[in-house]
Protein backbone atom coordinates (compact mmCIF):
# COMPACT_ATOMS: atom_id res chain seq x y z
CA MET A 1 94.89 113.16 116.14
CA ALA A 2 96.39 109.73 117.30
CA LYS A 3 99.71 108.95 116.37
CA LYS A 4 100.61 106.00 114.38
CA GLN A 5 102.03 103.10 116.35
CA PRO A 6 104.01 100.15 114.66
CA ASN A 7 101.90 97.16 113.88
CA SER A 8 98.93 98.44 115.68
CA LYS A 9 95.59 99.17 114.21
CA LEU A 10 95.00 102.81 114.32
CA SER A 11 91.09 103.31 114.55
CA ARG A 12 89.77 106.71 114.13
CA PRO A 13 86.18 107.17 115.59
CA ALA A 14 84.82 105.68 112.54
CA ASP A 15 84.36 107.88 109.61
CA ASN A 16 83.52 105.00 107.18
CA CYS A 17 86.34 105.62 105.03
CA ALA A 18 87.83 102.26 106.67
CA HIS A 19 90.50 104.20 108.74
CA GLU A 20 92.74 101.00 110.14
CA VAL A 21 96.30 100.92 109.42
CA PRO A 22 97.97 99.80 107.54
CA ALA A 23 95.18 98.94 104.74
CA ARG A 24 92.74 101.83 105.04
CA LYS A 25 90.50 101.21 101.85
CA ALA A 26 87.92 104.01 100.36
CA VAL A 27 84.42 103.21 100.55
CA GLY A 28 84.02 103.69 97.01
CA VAL A 29 86.79 104.55 93.89
CA ASP A 30 85.60 105.98 90.64
CA PRO A 31 87.21 103.74 88.30
CA LYS A 32 87.87 106.48 85.86
CA ILE A 33 89.34 108.81 88.54
CA LYS A 34 91.47 105.80 89.67
CA ALA A 35 92.63 105.14 85.88
CA SER A 36 93.26 109.06 85.44
CA ASN A 37 95.46 109.07 88.71
CA LEU A 38 97.31 106.35 88.31
CA ARG A 39 98.15 107.59 84.60
CA ARG A 40 99.19 111.07 86.13
CA LEU A 41 101.10 109.40 89.00
CA ARG A 42 103.12 107.50 86.15
CA LEU A 43 103.78 110.71 84.18
CA ILE A 44 104.89 112.54 87.64
CA GLU A 45 107.26 109.62 88.23
CA GLY A 46 108.77 110.33 84.82
CA GLN A 47 109.16 113.97 85.85
CA VAL A 48 110.74 113.44 89.00
CA ARG A 49 113.24 111.00 87.37
CA GLY A 50 114.00 114.08 85.04
CA LEU A 51 114.38 116.29 87.84
CA HIS A 52 116.89 113.90 89.19
CA ARG A 53 118.67 113.75 86.10
CA MET A 54 118.71 117.64 85.72
CA VAL A 55 120.30 118.11 89.16
CA GLU A 56 122.95 115.44 88.57
CA GLU A 57 123.94 116.94 85.36
CA ASP A 58 124.42 120.43 86.95
CA ARG A 59 121.38 122.10 84.90
CA TYR A 60 120.69 125.61 85.32
CA CYS A 61 118.88 126.24 88.43
CA ALA A 62 115.93 128.40 86.98
CA ASP A 63 115.05 125.26 84.69
CA ILE A 64 115.04 122.75 87.58
CA ILE A 65 112.65 124.94 89.88
CA THR A 66 110.45 125.31 86.77
CA GLN A 67 110.11 121.60 86.52
CA VAL A 68 109.77 121.27 90.25
CA SER A 69 106.86 123.82 90.00
CA ALA A 70 105.44 121.58 87.29
CA VAL A 71 105.68 118.44 89.32
CA GLN A 72 103.95 119.95 92.25
CA GLN A 73 100.92 121.14 89.84
CA ALA A 74 100.45 117.74 88.64
CA LEU A 75 100.39 116.30 92.49
CA ARG A 76 97.90 118.95 93.20
CA SER A 77 95.80 118.00 90.30
CA VAL A 78 95.94 114.34 91.58
CA ALA A 79 95.01 115.57 95.25
CA ARG A 80 92.02 117.48 93.79
CA ALA A 81 90.89 114.46 91.94
CA LEU A 82 91.28 112.16 95.26
CA MET A 83 89.51 114.88 97.09
CA SER A 84 86.64 114.77 94.72
CA ASN A 85 86.41 110.95 95.19
CA HIS A 86 86.57 111.17 99.03
CA LEU A 87 83.78 113.94 99.30
CA THR A 88 81.78 111.61 96.83
CA HIS A 89 82.06 108.39 98.50
CA CYS A 90 83.91 108.46 101.90
CA ALA A 91 82.60 111.75 103.42
CA THR A 92 79.06 111.52 101.76
CA GLN A 93 78.70 107.99 103.56
CA ALA A 94 79.68 109.16 107.01
CA ILE A 95 77.79 112.22 106.93
CA ARG A 96 74.73 110.66 105.55
CA THR A 97 74.66 107.37 107.52
CA GLY A 98 77.40 108.02 110.37
CA SER A 99 76.67 108.50 114.18
CA LEU A 100 77.36 111.74 115.54
CA GLN A 101 80.59 111.06 116.34
CA GLN A 102 81.34 109.74 112.73
CA GLN A 103 79.94 112.97 111.27
CA GLN A 104 82.15 114.99 113.61
CA ALA A 105 85.17 113.08 112.79
CA MET A 106 84.65 113.48 109.01
CA TYR A 107 83.90 117.11 109.29
CA ASP A 108 87.22 117.41 111.03
CA GLU A 109 89.08 115.37 108.78
CA LEU A 110 87.78 117.36 105.79
CA LEU A 111 88.98 120.46 107.22
CA GLU A 112 92.27 119.27 108.07
CA LEU A 113 92.24 118.18 104.61
CA ILE A 114 91.26 121.70 103.23
CA TYR A 115 94.05 123.39 105.45
CA LYS A 116 96.93 121.12 104.42
CA ASN A 117 96.08 121.46 100.67
CA ALA A 118 95.28 125.20 100.80
CA ARG A 119 99.06 125.90 101.37
């Protein structure tokens, strides 16, 4: 995988999901998924602020850990929704209409995403 260089466009072998840095764009975004993700992320922001406050106030460690787990689960939920959108739009387009190189790049990207999110 190529390394990101400052002020340069990183172009992966065309997976049709607009992989140009800094402004990569999805091929398509389901408006309902986007709205749901934004709502979830706002809630997660509040949870993280609550965690910060708990640490500042020297709250009981087990209570903080429980809240950290809740934030992690909420983030996994957002990641699953994003993966669903990615599979529905970006990956599908690359696999159906892309060159063999684009298709392989998408397969590689999907495997990497699955490995990263399976931890």
